[in-house]
Amino acid sequence: MGKAIAYMLNLWDGLTVFLDDPRVPLDNNAAERALRGVVVGRKNHHGSRSRRGTEVAALYYTLLGTARLGGVDPRTSLREAAIRAVTEPGAVTLPKDLT
């Protein structure tokens, strides 16, 4: 019990930060909801026939999820990223570049 209390006291500043800053949410539900699709996709691709197919699927999930979180239409984002990748090899397209 003493170890648990000492652990909590060492992290107390982080546990109470929401009291000083009203922008800090009381829970992390938004982050967990955002990751739910990735976890479900990972489970669906766990039995995939090829490692490369799984890696490509993970790449697309990442690109589409990043676009959604950035407030950009995922189709537009994916299209622009593909066009820029062909026209400018090595270029990185972020959602902020599309707004």
PDB file of N, CA and C in Angstrom:
ATOM      1  N   MET A   1       0.828  -1.182   0.000  1.00  0.00           N
ATOM      2  CA  MET A   1       0.000   0.000   0.000  1.00  0.00           C
ATOM      3  C   MET A   1       0.879   1.255   0.000  1.00  0.00           C
ATOM      4  N   GLY A   2       1.962   1.199   0.738  1.00  0.00           N
ATOM      5  CA  GLY A   2       2.871   2.334   0.801  1.00  0.00           C
ATOM      6  C   GLY A   2       3.490   2.648  -0.554  1.00  0.00           C
ATOM      7  N   LYS A   3       3.825   1.598  -1.321  1.00  0.00           N
ATOM      8  CA  LYS A   3       4.387   1.810  -2.657  1.00  0.00           C
ATOM      9  C   LYS A   3       3.370   2.479  -3.575  1.00  0.00           C
ATOM     10  N   ALA A   4       2.119   2.072  -3.460  1.00  0.00           N
ATOM     11  CA  ALA A   4       1.068   2.647  -4.304  1.00  0.00           C
ATOM     12  C   ALA A   4       0.861   4.127  -3.980  1.00  0.00           C
ATOM     13  N   ILE A   5       0.862   4.453  -2.698  1.00  0.00           N
ATOM     14  CA  ILE A   5       0.685   5.848  -2.285  1.00  0.00           C
ATOM     15  C   ILE A   5       1.892   6.688  -2.714  1.00  0.00           C
ATOM     16  N   ALA A   6       3.081   6.154  -2.553  1.00  0.00           N
ATOM     17  CA  ALA A   6       4.283   6.883  -2.972  1.00  0.00           C
ATOM     18  C   ALA A   6       4.264   7.116  -4.484  1.00  0.00           C
ATOM     19  N   TYR A   7       3.826   6.128  -5.239  1.00  0.00           N
ATOM     20  CA  TYR A   7       3.723   6.256  -6.691  1.00  0.00           C
ATOM     21  C   TYR A   7       2.757   7.380  -7.052  1.00  0.00           C
ATOM     22  N   MET A   8       1.599   7.394  -6.393  1.00  0.00           N
ATOM     23  CA  MET A   8       0.594   8.424  -6.653  1.00  0.00           C
ATOM     24  C   MET A   8       1.124   9.810  -6.296  1.00  0.00           C
ATOM     25  N   LEU A   9       1.810   9.931  -5.177  1.00  0.00           N
ATOM     26  CA  LEU A   9       2.332  11.227  -4.766  1.00  0.00           C
ATOM     27  C   LEU A   9       3.417  11.732  -5.717  1.00  0.00           C
ATOM     28  N   ASN A  10       4.201  10.822  -6.284  1.00  0.00           N
ATOM     29  CA  ASN A  10       5.226  11.224  -7.257  1.00  0.00           C
ATOM     30  C   ASN A  10       4.606  11.774  -8.539  1.00  0.00           C
ATOM     31  N   LEU A  11       3.398  11.336  -8.867  1.00  0.00           N
ATOM     32  CA  LEU A  11       2.722  11.767 -10.087  1.00  0.00           C
ATOM     33  C   LEU A  11       1.619  12.795  -9.815  1.00  0.00           C
ATOM     34  N   TRP A  12       1.571  13.318  -8.608  1.00  0.00           N
ATOM     35  CA  TRP A  12       0.470  14.182  -8.187  1.00  0.00           C
ATOM     36  C   TRP A  12       0.304  15.410  -9.085  1.00  0.00           C
ATOM     37  N   ASP A  13       1.390  16.042  -9.483  1.00  0.00           N
ATOM     38  CA  ASP A  13       1.292  17.240 -10.330  1.00  0.00           C
ATOM     39  C   ASP A  13       0.581  16.925 -11.648  1.00  0.00           C
ATOM     40  N   GLY A  14       0.902  15.805 -12.231  1.00  0.00           N
ATOM     41  CA  GLY A  14       0.248  15.412 -13.477  1.00  0.00           C
ATOM     42  C   GLY A  14      -1.201  15.019 -13.276  1.00  0.00           C
ATOM     43  N   LEU A  15      -1.501  14.439 -12.118  1.00  0.00           N
ATOM     44  CA  LEU A  15      -2.868  14.020 -11.840  1.00  0.00           C
ATOM     45  C   LEU A  15      -3.798  15.199 -11.571  1.00  0.00           C
ATOM     46  N   THR A  16      -3.258  16.312 -11.130  1.00  0.00           N
ATOM     47  CA  THR A  16      -4.093  17.459 -10.761  1.00  0.00           C
ATOM     48  C   THR A  16      -3.958  18.634 -11.727  1.00  0.00           C
ATOM     49  N   VAL A  17      -3.310  18.439 -12.851  1.00  0.00           N
ATOM     50  CA  VAL A  17      -3.097  19.539 -13.796  1.00  0.00           C
ATOM     51  C   VAL A  17      -4.414  20.122 -14.304  1.00  0.00           C
ATOM     52  N   PHE A  18      -5.468  19.310 -14.389  1.00  0.00           N
ATOM     53  CA  PHE A  18      -6.748  19.791 -14.879  1.00  0.00           C
ATOM     54  C   PHE A  18      -7.370  20.820 -13.939  1.00  0.00           C
ATOM     55  N   LEU A  19      -6.936  20.844 -12.692  1.00  0.00           N
ATOM     56  CA  LEU A  19      -7.459  21.840 -11.750  1.00  0.00           C
ATOM     57  C   LEU A  19      -6.941  23.240 -12.056  1.00  0.00           C
ATOM     58  N   ASP A  20      -5.737  23.320 -12.589  1.00  0.00           N
ATOM     59  CA  ASP A  20      -5.128  24.609 -12.895  1.00  0.00           C
ATOM     60  C   ASP A  20      -5.403  25.079 -14.323  1.00  0.00           C
ATOM     61  N   ASP A  21      -5.661  24.160 -15.222  1.00  0.00           N
ATOM     62  CA  ASP A  21      -5.846  24.504 -16.629  1.00  0.00           C
ATOM     63  C   ASP A  21      -7.171  23.917 -17.118  1.00  0.00           C
ATOM     64  N   PRO A  22      -8.191  24.752 -17.315  1.00  0.00           N
ATOM     65  CA  PRO A  22      -9.503  24.237 -17.720  1.00  0.00           C
ATOM     66  C   PRO A  22      -9.527  23.614 -19.113  1.00  0.00           C
ATOM     67  N   ARG A  23      -8.486  23.799 -19.904  1.00  0.00           N
ATOM     68  CA  ARG A  23      -8.438  23.186 -21.241  1.00  0.00           C
ATOM     69  C   ARG A  23      -8.111  21.702 -21.175  1.00  0.00           C
ATOM     70  N   VAL A  24      -7.564  21.240 -20.063  1.00  0.00           N
ATOM     71  CA  VAL A  24      -7.201  19.835 -19.914  1.00  0.00           C
ATOM     72  C   VAL A  24      -8.451  19.044 -19.542  1.00  0.00           C
ATOM     73  N   PRO A  25      -8.824  18.056 -20.365  1.00  0.00           N
ATOM     74  CA  PRO A  25     -10.040  17.283 -20.066  1.00  0.00           C
ATOM     75  C   PRO A  25      -9.850  16.372 -18.855  1.00  0.00           C
ATOM     76  N   LEU A  26     -10.955  16.022 -18.241  1.00  0.00           N
ATOM     77  CA  LEU A  26     -10.908  15.141 -17.071  1.00  0.00           C
ATOM     78  C   LEU A  26     -10.657  13.682 -17.449  1.00  0.00           C
ATOM     79  N   ASP A  27     -10.909  13.344 -18.699  1.00  0.00           N
ATOM     80  CA  ASP A  27     -10.704  11.964 -19.142  1.00  0.00           C
ATOM     81  C   ASP A  27     -10.024  11.965 -20.511  1.00  0.00           C
ATOM     82  N   ASN A  28      -9.722  10.790 -21.002  1.00  0.00           N
ATOM     83  CA  ASN A  28      -9.074  10.679 -22.311  1.00  0.00           C
ATOM     84  C   ASN A  28      -9.972   9.952 -23.309  1.00  0.00           C
ATOM     85  N   ASN A  29     -11.291  10.129 -23.159  1.00  0.00           N
ATOM     86  CA  ASN A  29     -12.231   9.438 -24.043  1.00  0.00           C
ATOM     87  C   ASN A  29     -12.026   9.794 -25.505  1.00  0.00           C
ATOM     88  N   ALA A  30     -11.730  11.059 -25.799  1.00  0.00           N
ATOM     89  CA  ALA A  30     -11.539  11.457 -27.200  1.00  0.00           C
ATOM     90  C   ALA A  30     -10.359  10.710 -27.819  1.00  0.00           C
ATOM     91  N   ALA A  31      -9.273  10.575 -27.066  1.00  0.00           N
ATOM     92  CA  ALA A  31      -8.102   9.851 -27.583  1.00  0.00           C
ATOM     93  C   ALA A  31      -8.425   8.370 -27.783  1.00  0.00           C
ATOM     94  N   GLU A  32      -9.152   7.798 -26.841  1.00  0.00           N
ATOM     95  CA  GLU A  32      -9.502   6.383 -26.967  1.00  0.00           C
ATOM     96  C   GLU A  32     -10.441   6.145 -28.148  1.00  0.00           C
ATOM     97  N   ARG A  33     -11.407   7.048 -28.362  1.00  0.00           N
ATOM     98  CA  ARG A  33     -12.295   6.914 -29.522  1.00  0.00           C
ATOM     99  C   ARG A  33     -11.515   7.039 -30.821  1.00  0.00           C
ATOM    100  N   ALA A  34     -10.548   7.937 -30.845  1.00  0.00           N
ATOM    101  CA  ALA A  34      -9.747   8.130 -32.058  1.00  0.00           C
ATOM    102  C   ALA A  34      -8.941   6.882 -32.393  1.00  0.00           C
ATOM    103  N   LEU A  35      -8.487   6.162 -31.384  1.00  0.00           N
ATOM    104  CA  LEU A  35      -7.674   4.963 -31.608  1.00  0.00           C
ATOM    105  C   LEU A  35      -8.498   3.704 -31.849  1.00  0.00           C
ATOM    106  N   ARG A  36      -9.790   3.761 -31.583  1.00  0.00           N
ATOM    107  CA  ARG A  36     -10.633   2.570 -31.698  1.00  0.00           C
ATOM    108  C   ARG A  36     -10.577   1.971 -33.106  1.00  0.00           C
ATOM    109  N   GLY A  37     -10.695   2.808 -34.138  1.00  0.00           N
ATOM    110  CA  GLY A  37     -10.665   2.303 -35.514  1.00  0.00           C
ATOM    111  C   GLY A  37      -9.357   1.613 -35.849  1.00  0.00           C
ATOM    112  N   VAL A  38      -8.263   2.158 -35.345  1.00  0.00           N
ATOM    113  CA  VAL A  38      -6.952   1.553 -35.599  1.00  0.00           C
ATOM    114  C   VAL A  38      -6.872   0.178 -34.951  1.00  0.00           C
ATOM    115  N   VAL A  39      -7.380   0.075 -33.742  1.00  0.00           N
ATOM    116  CA  VAL A  39      -7.323  -1.208 -33.029  1.00  0.00           C
ATOM    117  C   VAL A  39      -8.203  -2.241 -33.716  1.00  0.00           C
ATOM    118  N   VAL A  40      -9.397  -1.846 -34.128  1.00  0.00           N
ATOM    119  CA  VAL A  40     -10.280  -2.776 -34.829  1.00  0.00           C
ATOM    120  C   VAL A  40      -9.642  -3.206 -36.145  1.00  0.00           C
ATOM    121  N   GLY A  41      -9.063  -2.249 -36.882  1.00  0.00           N
ATOM    122  CA  GLY A  41      -8.389  -2.583 -38.137  1.00  0.00           C
ATOM    123  C   GLY A  41      -7.226  -3.520 -37.920  1.00  0.00           C
ATOM    124  N   ARG A  42      -6.469  -3.287 -36.846  1.00  0.00           N
ATOM    125  CA  ARG A  42      -5.330  -4.154 -36.561  1.00  0.00           C
ATOM    126  C   ARG A  42      -5.804  -5.578 -36.290  1.00  0.00           C
ATOM    127  N   LYS A  43      -6.909  -5.704 -35.558  1.00  0.00           N
ATOM    128  CA  LYS A  43      -7.440  -7.040 -35.286  1.00  0.00           C
ATOM    129  C   LYS A  43      -7.912  -7.706 -36.585  1.00  0.00           C
ATOM    130  N   ASN A  44      -8.533  -6.929 -37.454  1.00  0.00           N
ATOM    131  CA  ASN A  44      -9.020  -7.492 -38.713  1.00  0.00           C
ATOM    132  C   ASN A  44      -7.873  -7.938 -39.606  1.00  0.00           C
ATOM    133  N   HIS A  45      -6.755  -7.239 -39.568  1.00  0.00           N
ATOM    134  CA  HIS A  45      -5.623  -7.571 -40.439  1.00  0.00           C
ATOM    135  C   HIS A  45      -4.618  -8.512 -39.780  1.00  0.00           C
ATOM    136  N   HIS A  46      -4.896  -8.917 -38.564  1.00  0.00           N
ATOM    137  CA  HIS A  46      -3.964  -9.793 -37.856  1.00  0.00           C
ATOM    138  C   HIS A  46      -3.737 -11.100 -38.613  1.00  0.00           C
ATOM    139  N   GLY A  47      -4.775 -11.595 -39.253  1.00  0.00           N
ATOM    140  CA  GLY A  47      -4.651 -12.855 -39.986  1.00  0.00           C
ATOM    141  C   GLY A  47      -4.400 -12.654 -41.466  1.00  0.00           C
ATOM    142  N   SER A  48      -3.939 -11.484 -41.851  1.00  0.00           N
ATOM    143  CA  SER A  48      -3.691 -11.183 -43.256  1.00  0.00           C
ATOM    144  C   SER A  48      -2.672 -12.160 -43.835  1.00  0.00           C
ATOM    145  N   ARG A  49      -2.787 -12.400 -45.125  1.00  0.00           N
ATOM    146  CA  ARG A  49      -1.906 -13.369 -45.765  1.00  0.00           C
ATOM    147  C   ARG A  49      -0.482 -12.859 -45.952  1.00  0.00           C
ATOM    148  N   SER A  50      -0.324 -11.534 -46.069  1.00  0.00           N
ATOM    149  CA  SER A  50       1.022 -11.035 -46.297  1.00  0.00           C
ATOM    150  C   SER A  50       1.346  -9.897 -45.346  1.00  0.00           C
ATOM    151  N   ARG A  51       2.585  -9.837 -44.975  1.00  0.00           N
ATOM    152  CA  ARG A  51       3.053  -8.756 -44.106  1.00  0.00           C
ATOM    153  C   ARG A  51       2.955  -7.422 -44.832  1.00  0.00           C
ATOM    154  N   ARG A  52       3.284  -7.414 -46.124  1.00  0.00           N
ATOM    155  CA  ARG A  52       3.239  -6.175 -46.905  1.00  0.00           C
ATOM    156  C   ARG A  52       1.815  -5.625 -46.977  1.00  0.00           C
ATOM    157  N   GLY A  53       0.832  -6.502 -47.153  1.00  0.00           N
ATOM    158  CA  GLY A  53      -0.565  -6.067 -47.187  1.00  0.00           C
ATOM    159  C   GLY A  53      -0.980  -5.428 -45.878  1.00  0.00           C
ATOM    160  N   THR A  54      -0.524  -5.992 -44.777  1.00  0.00           N
ATOM    161  CA  THR A  54      -0.821  -5.443 -43.461  1.00  0.00           C
ATOM    162  C   THR A  54      -0.161  -4.076 -43.293  1.00  0.00           C
ATOM    163  N   GLU A  55       1.067  -3.940 -43.779  1.00  0.00           N
ATOM    164  CA  GLU A  55       1.776  -2.657 -43.665  1.00  0.00           C
ATOM    165  C   GLU A  55       1.095  -1.573 -44.500  1.00  0.00           C
ATOM    166  N   VAL A  56       0.629  -1.932 -45.688  1.00  0.00           N
ATOM    167  CA  VAL A  56      -0.064  -0.970 -46.549  1.00  0.00           C
ATOM    168  C   VAL A  56      -1.384  -0.552 -45.894  1.00  0.00           C
ATOM    169  N   ALA A  57      -2.104  -1.514 -45.345  1.00  0.00           N
ATOM    170  CA  ALA A  57      -3.359  -1.188 -44.665  1.00  0.00           C
ATOM    171  C   ALA A  57      -3.101  -0.248 -43.493  1.00  0.00           C
ATOM    172  N   ALA A  58      -2.049  -0.501 -42.736  1.00  0.00           N
ATOM    173  CA  ALA A  58      -1.709   0.371 -41.606  1.00  0.00           C
ATOM    174  C   ALA A  58      -1.371   1.771 -42.086  1.00  0.00           C
ATOM    175  N   LEU A  59      -0.678   1.872 -43.211  1.00  0.00           N
ATOM    176  CA  LEU A  59      -0.348   3.181 -43.782  1.00  0.00           C
ATOM    177  C   LEU A  59      -1.621   3.943 -44.144  1.00  0.00           C
ATOM    178  N   TYR A  60      -2.562   3.275 -44.817  1.00  0.00           N
ATOM    179  CA  TYR A  60      -3.808   3.941 -45.189  1.00  0.00           C
ATOM    180  C   TYR A  60      -4.621   4.339 -43.966  1.00  0.00           C
ATOM    181  N   TYR A  61      -4.706   3.465 -42.964  1.00  0.00           N
ATOM    182  CA  TYR A  61      -5.413   3.817 -41.728  1.00  0.00           C
ATOM    183  C   TYR A  61      -4.798   5.066 -41.100  1.00  0.00           C
ATOM    184  N   THR A  62      -3.487   5.150 -41.125  1.00  0.00           N
ATOM    185  CA  THR A  62      -2.795   6.297 -40.552  1.00  0.00           C
ATOM    186  C   THR A  62      -3.092   7.565 -41.330  1.00  0.00           C
ATOM    187  N   LEU A  63      -3.002   7.495 -42.645  1.00  0.00           N
ATOM    188  CA  LEU A  63      -3.269   8.666 -43.483  1.00  0.00           C
ATOM    189  C   LEU A  63      -4.712   9.156 -43.321  1.00  0.00           C
ATOM    190  N   LEU A  64      -5.657   8.245 -43.353  1.00  0.00           N
ATOM    191  CA  LEU A  64      -7.061   8.634 -43.239  1.00  0.00           C
ATOM    192  C   LEU A  64      -7.391   9.142 -41.839  1.00  0.00           C
ATOM    193  N   GLY A  65      -6.846   8.500 -40.822  1.00  0.00           N
ATOM    194  CA  GLY A  65      -7.081   8.949 -39.449  1.00  0.00           C
ATOM    195  C   GLY A  65      -6.477  10.316 -39.181  1.00  0.00           C
ATOM    196  N   THR A  66      -5.293  10.564 -39.733  1.00  0.00           N
ATOM    197  CA  THR A  66      -4.652  11.861 -39.569  1.00  0.00           C
ATOM    198  C   THR A  66      -5.474  12.952 -40.240  1.00  0.00           C
ATOM    199  N   ALA A  67      -6.013  12.658 -41.408  1.00  0.00           N
ATOM    200  CA  ALA A  67      -6.850  13.635 -42.110  1.00  0.00           C
ATOM    201  C   ALA A  67      -8.095  13.955 -41.292  1.00  0.00           C
ATOM    202  N   ARG A  68      -8.745  12.928 -40.778  1.00  0.00           N
ATOM    203  CA  ARG A  68      -9.950  13.155 -39.969  1.00  0.00           C
ATOM    204  C   ARG A  68      -9.641  14.017 -38.753  1.00  0.00           C
ATOM    205  N   LEU A  69      -8.573  13.690 -38.061  1.00  0.00           N
ATOM    206  CA  LEU A  69      -8.203  14.465 -36.870  1.00  0.00           C
ATOM    207  C   LEU A  69      -7.823  15.893 -37.233  1.00  0.00           C
ATOM    208  N   GLY A  70      -7.304  16.102 -38.436  1.00  0.00           N
ATOM    209  CA  GLY A  70      -6.933  17.434 -38.883  1.00  0.00           C
ATOM    210  C   GLY A  70      -8.099  18.221 -39.459  1.00  0.00           C
ATOM    211  N   GLY A  71      -9.284  17.613 -39.502  1.00  0.00           N
ATOM    212  CA  GLY A  71     -10.459  18.304 -40.003  1.00  0.00           C
ATOM    213  C   GLY A  71     -10.509  18.420 -41.516  1.00  0.00           C
ATOM    214  N   VAL A  72      -9.834  17.518 -42.211  1.00  0.00           N
ATOM    215  CA  VAL A  72      -9.780  17.536 -43.675  1.00  0.00           C
ATOM    216  C   VAL A  72     -10.506  16.301 -44.197  1.00  0.00           C
ATOM    217  N   ASP A  73     -11.186  16.436 -45.328  1.00  0.00           N
ATOM    218  CA  ASP A  73     -11.849  15.302 -45.953  1.00  0.00           C
ATOM    219  C   ASP A  73     -10.805  14.233 -46.276  1.00  0.00           C
ATOM    220  N   PRO A  74     -10.968  13.010 -45.774  1.00  0.00           N
ATOM    221  CA  PRO A  74      -9.966  11.964 -45.994  1.00  0.00           C
ATOM    222  C   PRO A  74      -9.695  11.663 -47.470  1.00  0.00           C
ATOM    223  N   ARG A  75     -10.725  11.694 -48.306  1.00  0.00           N
ATOM    224  CA  ARG A  75     -10.511  11.425 -49.730  1.00  0.00           C
ATOM    225  C   ARG A  75      -9.635  12.499 -50.370  1.00  0.00           C
ATOM    226  N   THR A  76      -9.935  13.750 -50.036  1.00  0.00           N
ATOM    227  CA  THR A  76      -9.135  14.858 -50.567  1.00  0.00           C
ATOM    228  C   THR A  76      -7.695  14.739 -50.107  1.00  0.00           C
ATOM    229  N   SER A  77      -7.532  14.438 -48.845  1.00  0.00           N
ATOM    230  CA  SER A  77      -6.189  14.318 -48.276  1.00  0.00           C
ATOM    231  C   SER A  77      -5.401  13.203 -48.959  1.00  0.00           C
ATOM    232  N   LEU A  78      -6.030  12.052 -49.120  1.00  0.00           N
ATOM    233  CA  LEU A  78      -5.362  10.912 -49.748  1.00  0.00           C
ATOM    234  C   LEU A  78      -5.015  11.224 -51.211  1.00  0.00           C
ATOM    235  N   ARG A  79      -5.935  11.858 -51.908  1.00  0.00           N
ATOM    236  CA  ARG A  79      -5.685  12.231 -53.306  1.00  0.00           C
ATOM    237  C   ARG A  79      -4.511  13.195 -53.414  1.00  0.00           C
ATOM    238  N   GLU A  80      -4.512  14.241 -52.602  1.00  0.00           N
ATOM    239  CA  GLU A  80      -3.439  15.231 -52.637  1.00  0.00           C
ATOM    240  C   GLU A  80      -2.098  14.623 -52.237  1.00  0.00           C
ATOM    241  N   ALA A  81      -2.125  13.758 -51.230  1.00  0.00           N
ATOM    242  CA  ALA A  81      -0.882  13.102 -50.798  1.00  0.00           C
ATOM    243  C   ALA A  81      -0.320  12.235 -51.919  1.00  0.00           C
ATOM    244  N   ALA A  82      -1.191  11.522 -52.637  1.00  0.00           N
ATOM    245  CA  ALA A  82      -0.731  10.673 -53.746  1.00  0.00           C
ATOM    246  C   ALA A  82      -0.164  11.518 -54.882  1.00  0.00           C
ATOM    247  N   ILE A  83      -0.855  12.605 -55.214  1.00  0.00           N
ATOM    248  CA  ILE A  83      -0.371  13.476 -56.298  1.00  0.00           C
ATOM    249  C   ILE A  83       0.981  14.080 -55.930  1.00  0.00           C
ATOM    250  N   ARG A  84       1.112  14.565 -54.702  1.00  0.00           N
ATOM    251  CA  ARG A  84       2.380  15.166 -54.285  1.00  0.00           C
ATOM    252  C   ARG A  84       3.502  14.141 -54.200  1.00  0.00           C
ATOM    253  N   ALA A  85       3.164  12.917 -53.816  1.00  0.00           N
ATOM    254  CA  ALA A  85       4.189  11.874 -53.734  1.00  0.00           C
ATOM    255  C   ALA A  85       4.754  11.549 -55.116  1.00  0.00           C
ATOM    256  N   VAL A  86       3.887  11.629 -56.152  1.00  0.00           N
ATOM    257  CA  VAL A  86       4.338  11.351 -57.513  1.00  0.00           C
ATOM    258  C   VAL A  86       5.107  12.539 -58.093  1.00  0.00           C
ATOM    259  N   THR A  87       4.563  13.739 -57.869  1.00  0.00           N
ATOM    260  CA  THR A  87       5.187  14.923 -58.471  1.00  0.00           C
ATOM    261  C   THR A  87       6.406  15.422 -57.701  1.00  0.00           C
ATOM    262  N   GLU A  88       6.413  15.191 -56.384  1.00  0.00           N
ATOM    263  CA  GLU A  88       7.526  15.637 -55.531  1.00  0.00           C
ATOM    264  C   GLU A  88       7.982  14.460 -54.661  1.00  0.00           C
ATOM    265  N   PRO A  89       8.779  13.549 -55.183  1.00  0.00           N
ATOM    266  CA  PRO A  89       9.204  12.388 -54.382  1.00  0.00           C
ATOM    267  C   PRO A  89       9.828  12.835 -53.056  1.00  0.00           C
ATOM    268  N   GLY A  90       9.402  12.180 -51.992  1.00  0.00           N
ATOM    269  CA  GLY A  90       9.914  12.497 -50.662  1.00  0.00           C
ATOM    270  C   GLY A  90       9.123  13.576 -49.947  1.00  0.00           C
ATOM    271  N   ALA A  91       8.143  14.174 -50.630  1.00  0.00           N
ATOM    272  CA  ALA A  91       7.333  15.230 -50.014  1.00  0.00           C
ATOM    273  C   ALA A  91       6.371  14.625 -48.993  1.00  0.00           C
ATOM    274  N   VAL A  92       6.123  15.366 -47.949  1.00  0.00           N
ATOM    275  CA  VAL A  92       5.183  14.953 -46.913  1.00  0.00           C
ATOM    276  C   VAL A  92       3.996  15.900 -46.958  1.00  0.00           C
ATOM    277  N   THR A  93       2.783  15.350 -47.047  1.00  0.00           N
ATOM    278  CA  THR A  93       1.574  16.163 -47.086  1.00  0.00           C
ATOM    279  C   THR A  93       0.833  15.993 -45.775  1.00  0.00           C
ATOM    280  N   LEU A  94       0.714  17.071 -45.037  1.00  0.00           N
ATOM    281  CA  LEU A  94       0.002  17.065 -43.765  1.00  0.00           C
ATOM    282  C   LEU A  94      -1.358  17.724 -43.932  1.00  0.00           C
ATOM    283  N   PRO A  95      -2.330  17.394 -43.061  1.00  0.00           N
ATOM    284  CA  PRO A  95      -3.653  18.025 -43.180  1.00  0.00           C
ATOM    285  C   PRO A  95      -3.594  19.552 -43.154  1.00  0.00           C
ATOM    286  N   LYS A  96      -2.658  20.112 -42.408  1.00  0.00           N
ATOM    287  CA  LYS A  96      -2.574  21.579 -42.345  1.00  0.00           C
ATOM    288  C   LYS A  96      -2.185  22.172 -43.696  1.00  0.00           C
ATOM    289  N   ASP A  97      -1.538  21.376 -44.557  1.00  0.00           N
ATOM    290  CA  ASP A  97      -1.177  21.840 -45.896  1.00  0.00           C
ATOM    291  C   ASP A  97      -2.395  21.942 -46.810  1.00  0.00           C
ATOM    292  N   LEU A  98      -3.495  21.304 -46.430  1.00  0.00           N
ATOM    293  CA  LEU A  98      -4.684  21.238 -47.281  1.00  0.00           C
ATOM    294  C   LEU A  98      -5.777  22.200 -46.833  1.00  0.00           C
ATOM    295  N   THR A  99      -5.588  22.865 -45.721  1.00  0.00           N
ATOM    296  CA  THR A  99      -6.649  23.757 -45.239  1.00  0.00           C
ATOM    297  C   THR A  99      -6.437  25.163 -45.700  1.00  0.00           C
TER     298      THR A  99
END
